[in-house]
Amino acid sequence: MKNLEKYYDFIKDEETKNTVKKIQDKALYVNKNYMSAITEFINPYIAEICIPVIKNYDIKFEIFPSYEHCERKVFILSPQYSETSDENEFISGIRINNKSKFKKLSHRDYLGALMSLGIDRSKTGDIYVYDNYGDIVVHSDIADYIIYNMDKIGHNKIEAEKIKLSSVNFKEQEHEVLNIISSSMRIDNIVKHLTNSSREKASVIIKAGSVKVNYVPEDRVSTELKEGDLLSISRAGRFKIYNTYGTTKSGKIKIKIKHYV
C-alpha cells in the first residue's frame, strides 16, 4: 500500500485536502470491516483526485449519479468480492412538487428550503428544476426527514415525495447564455467582463482568492482559460466557457458563456 502523504502535498486547498482524507478514512473502513459505505457529495475535481486514494485499498467503487452534467456526486464503496451494491440502499430521489399556480420556484428557492431544515449540504446532490417541481438526490438517511418537515417554500405550498432513482429527471442546471467580446482568454479579462468591472478590479478579485477554475482556487491573473472551463466567482456566480466562435475585425475573441442561475 502506497504512502499517501506525498500525494496530499500536491493538494494546496485545505478544504479539498480534508475532504479527500475523509474519503480515504471511508475507504479504509470498507476495507477493514467488509461493509459497503457511501461518501459525501463532492465535485468532479475532488472525485478525480480521490480515485488514486480509493484504488490504494482492495475495494470496489461506483460514482453516482453517472449523468454527464451532474456536478455533485458520491462514491459508493464496496468490498472487492462482494455483490455489486444497489444505489437505492444509499441514495434516494425526492420530488418537490410546487402547488402554487402563480410562482415558479428557482434553484435558489429549493436549495434555501433544504438548508433552512438544517440539512448538511454534503448530503445532497444537484437540484433539477422544472416548471412545477424540482428533483434532487440525497443520502437515504435524510430523505424521510425532508419529506416530513418540508411543506412550504416561502409562501408556496409544496409536497415532497420519495421517487425511484430511475424517475429522477436529470438535466443541466438552469442557465442564461452571455455573449462577450474579449481581447484575450486571460482570466483577468474574462472576470472583468463577468463582474462588469475594470481589469484592475478583476485582478484584485483574483489575487484575493475569490475565483475558482474547475473547482480549484486560482490567484494567477495571467492564467489562460479555454472552452469547458468552469469559473466560480465569489458574489458573482458560476460561469462556464461554452465556446469561442470567431473574432472581430479588430482581432478580439467572441465568447459564449453560460451563467448558471
C-alpha atoms as a PDB file:
ATOM      1  CA  MET A   1       0.000   0.000   0.000  1.00  0.00           C
ATOM      2  CA  LYS A   2       1.375   3.401  -1.009  1.00  0.00           C
ATOM      3  CA  ASN A   3       2.166   6.201   1.415  1.00  0.00           C
ATOM      4  CA  LEU A   4      -0.301   8.960   0.544  1.00  0.00           C
ATOM      5  CA  GLU A   5       1.306  11.817   2.465  1.00  0.00           C
ATOM      6  CA  LYS A   6       3.335  12.983  -0.546  1.00  0.00           C
ATOM      7  CA  TYR A   7       0.181  12.804  -2.662  1.00  0.00           C
ATOM      8  CA  TYR A   8      -1.576  15.126  -0.235  1.00  0.00           C
ATOM      9  CA  ASP A   9       1.279  17.630  -0.533  1.00  0.00           C
ATOM     10  CA  PHE A  10       0.111  18.373  -4.084  1.00  0.00           C
ATOM     11  CA  ILE A  11      -3.371  19.418  -2.884  1.00  0.00           C
ATOM     12  CA  LYS A  12      -2.989  23.076  -1.947  1.00  0.00           C
ATOM     13  CA  ASP A  13      -6.567  23.822  -0.897  1.00  0.00           C
ATOM     14  CA  GLU A  14      -7.015  22.732   2.739  1.00  0.00           C
ATOM     15  CA  GLU A  15     -10.770  22.175   2.462  1.00  0.00           C
ATOM     16  CA  THR A  16     -10.243  19.886  -0.533  1.00  0.00           C
ATOM     17  CA  LYS A  17      -7.440  18.053   1.248  1.00  0.00           C
ATOM     18  CA  ASN A  18      -9.623  17.423   4.298  1.00  0.00           C
ATOM     19  CA  THR A  19     -12.446  16.079   2.126  1.00  0.00           C
ATOM     20  CA  VAL A  20     -10.101  13.672   0.361  1.00  0.00           C
ATOM     21  CA  LYS A  21      -8.777  12.469   3.722  1.00  0.00           C
ATOM     22  CA  LYS A  22     -12.337  11.804   4.929  1.00  0.00           C
ATOM     23  CA  ILE A  23     -12.955   9.706   1.838  1.00  0.00           C
ATOM     24  CA  GLN A  24      -9.706   7.832   2.493  1.00  0.00           C
ATOM     25  CA  ASP A  25     -10.993   7.059   6.004  1.00  0.00           C
ATOM     26  CA  LYS A  26     -14.228   5.746   4.473  1.00  0.00           C
ATOM     27  CA  ALA A  27     -12.272   3.525   2.066  1.00  0.00           C
ATOM     28  CA  LEU A  28     -10.226   2.168   4.979  1.00  0.00           C
ATOM     29  CA  TYR A  29     -13.445   1.437   6.892  1.00  0.00           C
ATOM     30  CA  VAL A  30     -14.871  -0.561   3.959  1.00  0.00           C
ATOM     31  CA  ASN A  31     -11.620  -2.459   3.541  1.00  0.00           C
ATOM     32  CA  LYS A  32     -11.297  -3.364   7.249  1.00  0.00           C
ATOM     33  CA  ASN A  33     -14.939  -4.084   8.054  1.00  0.00           C
ATOM     34  CA  TYR A  34     -16.027  -5.675   4.783  1.00  0.00           C
ATOM     35  CA  MET A  35     -19.075  -3.371   4.689  1.00  0.00           C
ATOM     36  CA  SER A  36     -20.267  -1.069   1.914  1.00  0.00           C
ATOM     37  CA  ALA A  37     -20.433   2.681   2.514  1.00  0.00           C
ATOM     38  CA  ILE A  38     -21.246   5.963   0.801  1.00  0.00           C
ATOM     39  CA  THR A  39     -19.212   9.177   0.765  1.00  0.00           C
ATOM     40  CA  GLU A  40     -20.475  12.732   0.954  1.00  0.00           C
ATOM     41  CA  PHE A  41     -21.421  14.523  -2.264  1.00  0.00           C
ATOM     42  CA  ILE A  42     -18.347  16.031  -3.906  1.00  0.00           C
ATOM     43  CA  ASN A  43     -17.470  17.982  -7.029  1.00  0.00           C
ATOM     44  CA  PRO A  44     -15.817  16.400 -10.122  1.00  0.00           C
ATOM     45  CA  TYR A  45     -12.342  17.692  -9.221  1.00  0.00           C
ATOM     46  CA  ILE A  46     -12.395  16.068  -5.785  1.00  0.00           C
ATOM     47  CA  ALA A  47     -13.815  12.874  -7.302  1.00  0.00           C
ATOM     48  CA  GLU A  48     -10.928  12.741  -9.773  1.00  0.00           C
ATOM     49  CA  ILE A  49      -8.195  13.146  -7.173  1.00  0.00           C
ATOM     50  CA  CYS A  50      -9.910  10.647  -4.840  1.00  0.00           C
ATOM     51  CA  ILE A  51      -9.738   7.771  -7.323  1.00  0.00           C
ATOM     52  CA  PRO A  52      -5.993   7.046  -6.777  1.00  0.00           C
ATOM     53  CA  VAL A  53      -6.640   7.160  -2.999  1.00  0.00           C
ATOM     54  CA  ILE A  54      -9.515   4.674  -3.206  1.00  0.00           C
ATOM     55  CA  LYS A  55      -7.509   2.408  -5.503  1.00  0.00           C
ATOM     56  CA  ASN A  56      -4.936   2.177  -2.729  1.00  0.00           C
ATOM     57  CA  TYR A  57      -7.357  -0.213  -0.980  1.00  0.00           C
ATOM     58  CA  ASP A  58      -8.689  -3.576  -2.053  1.00  0.00           C
ATOM     59  CA  ILE A  59     -12.243  -2.330  -2.645  1.00  0.00           C
ATOM     60  CA  LYS A  60     -14.632  -1.519  -5.488  1.00  0.00           C
ATOM     61  CA  PHE A  61     -16.226   1.852  -6.177  1.00  0.00           C
ATOM     62  CA  GLU A  62     -19.017   3.353  -8.234  1.00  0.00           C
ATOM     63  CA  ILE A  63     -19.526   7.057  -8.936  1.00  0.00           C
ATOM     64  CA  PHE A  64     -23.174   8.132  -8.752  1.00  0.00           C
ATOM     65  CA  PRO A  65     -25.005   9.765 -10.484  1.00  0.00           C
ATOM     66  CA  SER A  66     -23.328   8.982 -13.807  1.00  0.00           C
ATOM     67  CA  TYR A  67     -25.283  11.677 -15.678  1.00  0.00           C
ATOM     68  CA  GLU A  68     -22.905  13.803 -17.776  1.00  0.00           C
ATOM     69  CA  HIS A  69     -23.936  17.247 -16.482  1.00  0.00           C
ATOM     70  CA  CYS A  70     -24.266  16.175 -12.850  1.00  0.00           C
ATOM     71  CA  GLU A  71     -21.775  18.065 -10.694  1.00  0.00           C
ATOM     72  CA  ARG A  72     -22.316  16.736  -7.192  1.00  0.00           C
ATOM     73  CA  LYS A  73     -21.561  13.018  -6.998  1.00  0.00           C
ATOM     74  CA  VAL A  74     -20.860  10.335  -4.409  1.00  0.00           C
ATOM     75  CA  PHE A  75     -18.660   7.256  -4.305  1.00  0.00           C
ATOM     76  CA  ILE A  76     -20.412   4.046  -3.312  1.00  0.00           C
ATOM     77  CA  LEU A  77     -17.635   1.876  -1.879  1.00  0.00           C
ATOM     78  CA  SER A  78     -17.900  -1.908  -1.584  1.00  0.00           C
ATOM     79  CA  PRO A  79     -15.649  -4.813  -0.533  1.00  0.00           C
ATOM     80  CA  GLN A  80     -13.777  -6.248  -3.516  1.00  0.00           C
ATOM     81  CA  TYR A  81     -15.500  -9.633  -3.595  1.00  0.00           C
ATOM     82  CA  SER A  82     -18.986  -8.597  -2.515  1.00  0.00           C
ATOM     83  CA  GLU A  83     -22.020  -8.367  -4.747  1.00  0.00           C
ATOM     84  CA  THR A  84     -22.465  -5.075  -6.564  1.00  0.00           C
ATOM     85  CA  SER A  85     -24.169  -2.545  -4.286  1.00  0.00           C
ATOM     86  CA  ASP A  86     -27.588  -1.186  -5.156  1.00  0.00           C
ATOM     87  CA  GLU A  87     -27.585   2.635  -5.298  1.00  0.00           C
ATOM     88  CA  ASN A  88     -31.087   2.664  -3.800  1.00  0.00           C
ATOM     89  CA  GLU A  89     -29.678   1.394  -0.500  1.00  0.00           C
ATOM     90  CA  PHE A  90     -27.699   4.605  -0.094  1.00  0.00           C
ATOM     91  CA  ILE A  91     -29.345   7.276  -2.262  1.00  0.00           C
ATOM     92  CA  SER A  92     -32.973   8.399  -2.538  1.00  0.00           C
ATOM     93  CA  GLY A  93     -34.705  10.553  -5.095  1.00  0.00           C
ATOM     94  CA  ILE A  94     -37.052  13.283  -3.865  1.00  0.00           C
ATOM     95  CA  ARG A  95     -39.519  15.235  -5.980  1.00  0.00           C
ATOM     96  CA  ILE A  96     -40.695  18.545  -4.532  1.00  0.00           C
ATOM     97  CA  ASN A  97     -43.981  19.464  -6.206  1.00  0.00           C
ATOM     98  CA  ASN A  98     -44.824  23.158  -6.361  1.00  0.00           C
ATOM     99  CA  LYS A  99     -48.552  23.564  -5.626  1.00  0.00           C
ATOM    100  CA  SER A 100     -48.633  27.287  -6.439  1.00  0.00           C
ATOM    101  CA  LYS A 101     -50.145  28.344  -9.768  1.00  0.00           C
ATOM    102  CA  PHE A 102     -48.595  31.793  -9.560  1.00  0.00           C
ATOM    103  CA  LYS A 103     -44.894  31.426  -8.824  1.00  0.00           C
ATOM    104  CA  LYS A 104     -42.250  29.214 -10.396  1.00  0.00           C
ATOM    105  CA  LEU A 105     -39.641  28.161  -7.849  1.00  0.00           C
ATOM    106  CA  SER A 106     -35.958  28.618  -8.676  1.00  0.00           C
ATOM    107  CA  HIS A 107     -32.877  26.577  -7.851  1.00  0.00           C
ATOM    108  CA  ARG A 108     -32.144  29.089  -5.080  1.00  0.00           C
ATOM    109  CA  ASP A 109     -35.638  28.609  -3.621  1.00  0.00           C
ATOM    110  CA  TYR A 110     -35.309  24.822  -3.419  1.00  0.00           C
ATOM    111  CA  LEU A 111     -31.766  24.975  -2.033  1.00  0.00           C
ATOM    112  CA  GLY A 112     -32.712  27.601   0.555  1.00  0.00           C
ATOM    113  CA  ALA A 113     -35.609  25.475   1.778  1.00  0.00           C
ATOM    114  CA  LEU A 114     -33.337  22.458   2.235  1.00  0.00           C
ATOM    115  CA  MET A 115     -30.717  24.496   4.094  1.00  0.00           C
ATOM    116  CA  SER A 116     -33.410  26.005   6.372  1.00  0.00           C
ATOM    117  CA  LEU A 117     -34.099  22.470   7.629  1.00  0.00           C
ATOM    118  CA  GLY A 118     -30.511  22.268   8.863  1.00  0.00           C
ATOM    119  CA  ILE A 119     -29.556  19.791   6.144  1.00  0.00           C
ATOM    120  CA  ASP A 120     -25.821  19.333   5.646  1.00  0.00           C
ATOM    121  CA  ARG A 121     -25.098  20.295   2.013  1.00  0.00           C
ATOM    122  CA  SER A 122     -22.678  17.377   1.737  1.00  0.00           C
ATOM    123  CA  LYS A 123     -25.685  15.016   1.995  1.00  0.00           C
ATOM    124  CA  THR A 124     -27.496  16.491  -1.017  1.00  0.00           C
ATOM    125  CA  GLY A 125     -26.776  16.387  -4.720  1.00  0.00           C
ATOM    126  CA  ASP A 126     -27.742  18.677  -7.588  1.00  0.00           C
ATOM    127  CA  ILE A 127     -31.244  20.105  -7.844  1.00  0.00           C
ATOM    128  CA  TYR A 128     -33.007  19.725 -11.211  1.00  0.00           C
ATOM    129  CA  VAL A 129     -35.620  22.448 -11.635  1.00  0.00           C
ATOM    130  CA  TYR A 130     -38.724  22.156 -13.825  1.00  0.00           C
ATOM    131  CA  ASP A 131     -41.837  24.329 -14.160  1.00  0.00           C
ATOM    132  CA  ASN A 132     -43.900  22.581 -11.482  1.00  0.00           C
ATOM    133  CA  TYR A 133     -41.358  20.608  -9.467  1.00  0.00           C
ATOM    134  CA  GLY A 134     -37.732  20.081  -8.531  1.00  0.00           C
ATOM    135  CA  ASP A 135     -35.910  16.741  -8.328  1.00  0.00           C
ATOM    136  CA  ILE A 136     -32.972  16.065  -6.028  1.00  0.00           C
ATOM    137  CA  VAL A 137     -30.914  13.072  -4.930  1.00  0.00           C
ATOM    138  CA  VAL A 138     -29.951  12.824  -1.248  1.00  0.00           C
ATOM    139  CA  HIS A 139     -28.427  10.404   1.222  1.00  0.00           C
ATOM    140  CA  SER A 140     -31.180   7.953   2.105  1.00  0.00           C
ATOM    141  CA  ASP A 141     -30.842   8.584   5.828  1.00  0.00           C
ATOM    142  CA  ILE A 142     -32.205  12.134   5.486  1.00  0.00           C
ATOM    143  CA  ALA A 143     -34.924  11.506   2.869  1.00  0.00           C
ATOM    144  CA  ASP A 144     -37.789  10.932   5.319  1.00  0.00           C
ATOM    145  CA  TYR A 145     -36.745  13.916   7.426  1.00  0.00           C
ATOM    146  CA  ILE A 146     -37.028  16.174   4.361  1.00  0.00           C
ATOM    147  CA  ILE A 147     -40.384  14.736   3.307  1.00  0.00           C
ATOM    148  CA  TYR A 148     -41.951  15.065   6.774  1.00  0.00           C
ATOM    149  CA  ASN A 149     -40.622  18.547   7.512  1.00  0.00           C
ATOM    150  CA  MET A 150     -40.885  20.430   4.234  1.00  0.00           C
ATOM    151  CA  ASP A 151     -44.384  21.689   3.408  1.00  0.00           C
ATOM    152  CA  LYS A 152     -43.706  25.230   2.212  1.00  0.00           C
ATOM    153  CA  ILE A 153     -41.062  27.104   0.267  1.00  0.00           C
ATOM    154  CA  GLY A 154     -41.549  30.755   1.106  1.00  0.00           C
ATOM    155  CA  HIS A 155     -45.302  31.271   0.801  1.00  0.00           C
ATOM    156  CA  ASN A 156     -45.637  28.452  -1.708  1.00  0.00           C
ATOM    157  CA  LYS A 157     -47.343  25.235  -0.729  1.00  0.00           C
ATOM    158  CA  ILE A 158     -45.267  22.228  -1.786  1.00  0.00           C
ATOM    159  CA  GLU A 159     -45.491  18.482  -1.462  1.00  0.00           C
ATOM    160  CA  ALA A 160     -42.332  16.375  -1.179  1.00  0.00           C
ATOM    161  CA  GLU A 161     -42.377  12.698  -2.130  1.00  0.00           C
ATOM    162  CA  LYS A 162     -39.818   9.941  -2.475  1.00  0.00           C
ATOM    163  CA  ILE A 163     -39.322   8.686  -6.049  1.00  0.00           C
ATOM    164  CA  LYS A 164     -37.259   5.939  -7.652  1.00  0.00           C
ATOM    165  CA  LEU A 165     -33.787   6.962  -8.782  1.00  0.00           C
ATOM    166  CA  SER A 166     -34.784   5.876 -12.282  1.00  0.00           C
ATOM    167  CA  SER A 167     -37.561   8.518 -12.156  1.00  0.00           C
ATOM    168  CA  VAL A 168     -35.267  11.441 -11.305  1.00  0.00           C
ATOM    169  CA  ASN A 169     -35.196  13.842 -14.278  1.00  0.00           C
ATOM    170  CA  PHE A 170     -31.538  14.764 -14.547  1.00  0.00           C
ATOM    171  CA  LYS A 171     -30.623  17.812 -16.621  1.00  0.00           C
ATOM    172  CA  GLU A 172     -28.059  20.584 -16.812  1.00  0.00           C
ATOM    173  CA  GLN A 173     -28.610  23.362 -14.282  1.00  0.00           C
ATOM    174  CA  GLU A 174     -30.667  26.358 -15.424  1.00  0.00           C
ATOM    175  CA  HIS A 175     -28.523  28.989 -17.126  1.00  0.00           C
ATOM    176  CA  GLU A 176     -28.503  32.002 -19.398  1.00  0.00           C
ATOM    177  CA  VAL A 177     -26.043  32.423 -22.262  1.00  0.00           C
ATOM    178  CA  LEU A 178     -23.884  35.542 -22.241  1.00  0.00           C
ATOM    179  CA  ASN A 179     -22.019  36.824 -25.279  1.00  0.00           C
ATOM    180  CA  ILE A 180     -18.840  38.739 -24.553  1.00  0.00           C
ATOM    181  CA  ILE A 181     -16.007  40.107 -26.665  1.00  0.00           C
ATOM    182  CA  SER A 182     -12.583  39.926 -25.030  1.00  0.00           C
ATOM    183  CA  SER A 183      -9.087  40.928 -26.077  1.00  0.00           C
ATOM    184  CA  SER A 184      -7.759  37.580 -24.766  1.00  0.00           C
ATOM    185  CA  MET A 185      -8.676  34.443 -22.829  1.00  0.00           C
ATOM    186  CA  ARG A 186      -6.703  35.569 -19.792  1.00  0.00           C
ATOM    187  CA  ILE A 187      -8.663  35.074 -16.604  1.00  0.00           C
ATOM    188  CA  ASP A 188      -8.424  38.755 -15.598  1.00  0.00           C
ATOM    189  CA  ASN A 189     -10.004  39.768 -18.900  1.00  0.00           C
ATOM    190  CA  ILE A 190     -12.839  37.258 -18.574  1.00  0.00           C
ATOM    191  CA  VAL A 191     -13.521  38.107 -14.915  1.00  0.00           C
ATOM    192  CA  LYS A 192     -13.588  41.805 -15.874  1.00  0.00           C
ATOM    193  CA  HIS A 193     -16.495  41.140 -18.245  1.00  0.00           C
ATOM    194  CA  LEU A 194     -18.361  38.790 -15.906  1.00  0.00           C
ATOM    195  CA  THR A 195     -18.222  41.213 -12.972  1.00  0.00           C
ATOM    196  CA  ASN A 196     -18.751  44.383 -15.054  1.00  0.00           C
ATOM    197  CA  SER A 197     -15.588  45.871 -13.594  1.00  0.00           C
ATOM    198  CA  SER A 198     -12.183  47.074 -14.716  1.00  0.00           C
ATOM    199  CA  ARG A 199      -9.253  44.772 -15.391  1.00  0.00           C
ATOM    200  CA  GLU A 200      -7.546  46.193 -12.299  1.00  0.00           C
ATOM    201  CA  LYS A 201     -10.544  45.372 -10.125  1.00  0.00           C
ATOM    202  CA  ALA A 202     -10.722  41.894 -11.667  1.00  0.00           C
ATOM    203  CA  SER A 203      -7.055  41.367 -10.749  1.00  0.00           C
ATOM    204  CA  VAL A 204      -7.803  42.292  -7.130  1.00  0.00           C
ATOM    205  CA  ILE A 205     -10.690  39.783  -7.041  1.00  0.00           C
ATOM    206  CA  ILE A 206      -8.474  37.007  -8.414  1.00  0.00           C
ATOM    207  CA  LYS A 207      -5.483  37.735  -6.177  1.00  0.00           C
ATOM    208  CA  ALA A 208      -7.799  37.757  -3.141  1.00  0.00           C
ATOM    209  CA  GLY A 209      -8.610  34.087  -3.797  1.00  0.00           C
ATOM    210  CA  SER A 210     -12.221  34.785  -4.784  1.00  0.00           C
ATOM    211  CA  VAL A 211     -12.097  32.850  -8.060  1.00  0.00           C
ATOM    212  CA  LYS A 212     -12.012  29.105  -8.700  1.00  0.00           C
ATOM    213  CA  VAL A 213     -11.341  27.456 -12.050  1.00  0.00           C
ATOM    214  CA  ASN A 214     -12.730  23.941 -12.341  1.00  0.00           C
ATOM    215  CA  TYR A 215     -13.267  23.946  -8.545  1.00  0.00           C
ATOM    216  CA  VAL A 216      -9.620  24.837  -7.811  1.00  0.00           C
ATOM    217  CA  PRO A 217      -8.688  28.262  -6.326  1.00  0.00           C
ATOM    218  CA  GLU A 218      -6.822  30.339  -8.898  1.00  0.00           C
ATOM    219  CA  ASP A 219      -4.933  33.501  -7.915  1.00  0.00           C
ATOM    220  CA  ARG A 220      -2.775  33.991 -11.027  1.00  0.00           C
ATOM    221  CA  VAL A 221      -4.132  36.796 -13.207  1.00  0.00           C
ATOM    222  CA  SER A 222      -2.324  35.541 -16.336  1.00  0.00           C
ATOM    223  CA  THR A 223      -3.963  32.089 -16.396  1.00  0.00           C
ATOM    224  CA  GLU A 224      -5.370  31.297 -19.843  1.00  0.00           C
ATOM    225  CA  LEU A 225      -8.902  29.907 -19.923  1.00  0.00           C
ATOM    226  CA  LYS A 226     -10.300  27.503 -22.511  1.00  0.00           C
ATOM    227  CA  GLU A 227     -13.601  26.086 -23.676  1.00  0.00           C
ATOM    228  CA  GLY A 228     -15.236  23.938 -20.991  1.00  0.00           C
ATOM    229  CA  ASP A 229     -13.616  25.714 -18.037  1.00  0.00           C
ATOM    230  CA  LEU A 230     -15.950  26.385 -15.103  1.00  0.00           C
ATOM    231  CA  LEU A 231     -15.462  29.592 -13.124  1.00  0.00           C
ATOM    232  CA  SER A 232     -16.836  30.312  -9.665  1.00  0.00           C
ATOM    233  CA  ILE A 233     -16.565  33.985  -8.707  1.00  0.00           C
ATOM    234  CA  SER A 234     -17.457  34.970  -5.159  1.00  0.00           C
ATOM    235  CA  ARG A 235     -20.630  37.107  -5.075  1.00  0.00           C
ATOM    236  CA  ALA A 236     -20.936  36.956  -8.881  1.00  0.00           C
ATOM    237  CA  GLY A 237     -21.889  33.329  -9.540  1.00  0.00           C
ATOM    238  CA  ARG A 238     -20.841  30.348 -11.603  1.00  0.00           C
ATOM    239  CA  PHE A 239     -19.931  30.508 -15.270  1.00  0.00           C
ATOM    240  CA  LYS A 240     -18.814  28.085 -17.956  1.00  0.00           C
ATOM    241  CA  ILE A 241     -16.788  28.977 -21.054  1.00  0.00           C
ATOM    242  CA  TYR A 242     -19.216  27.456 -23.545  1.00  0.00           C
ATOM    243  CA  ASN A 243     -17.429  28.171 -26.815  1.00  0.00           C
ATOM    244  CA  THR A 244     -15.438  30.693 -28.817  1.00  0.00           C
ATOM    245  CA  TYR A 245     -16.950  31.484 -32.179  1.00  0.00           C
ATOM    246  CA  GLY A 246     -14.593  33.705 -34.107  1.00  0.00           C
ATOM    247  CA  THR A 247     -13.014  37.111 -33.852  1.00  0.00           C
ATOM    248  CA  THR A 248     -13.978  40.702 -34.569  1.00  0.00           C
ATOM    249  CA  LYS A 249     -12.315  42.809 -37.263  1.00  0.00           C
ATOM    250  CA  SER A 250     -10.014  44.170 -34.554  1.00  0.00           C
ATOM    251  CA  GLY A 251      -8.961  40.661 -33.522  1.00  0.00           C
ATOM    252  CA  LYS A 252     -10.949  40.374 -30.286  1.00  0.00           C
ATOM    253  CA  ILE A 253     -12.407  36.987 -29.348  1.00  0.00           C
ATOM    254  CA  LYS A 254     -16.153  36.297 -29.419  1.00  0.00           C
ATOM    255  CA  ILE A 255     -17.107  34.060 -26.496  1.00  0.00           C
ATOM    256  CA  LYS A 256     -20.353  32.413 -25.385  1.00  0.00           C
ATOM    257  CA  ILE A 257     -20.529  31.877 -21.623  1.00  0.00           C
ATOM    258  CA  LYS A 258     -23.153  30.003 -19.599  1.00  0.00           C
ATOM    259  CA  HIS A 259     -24.175  31.787 -16.413  1.00  0.00           C
ATOM    260  CA  TYR A 260     -25.792  29.280 -14.043  1.00  0.00           C
ATOM    261  CA  VAL A 261     -28.757  30.759 -12.203  1.00  0.00           C
END
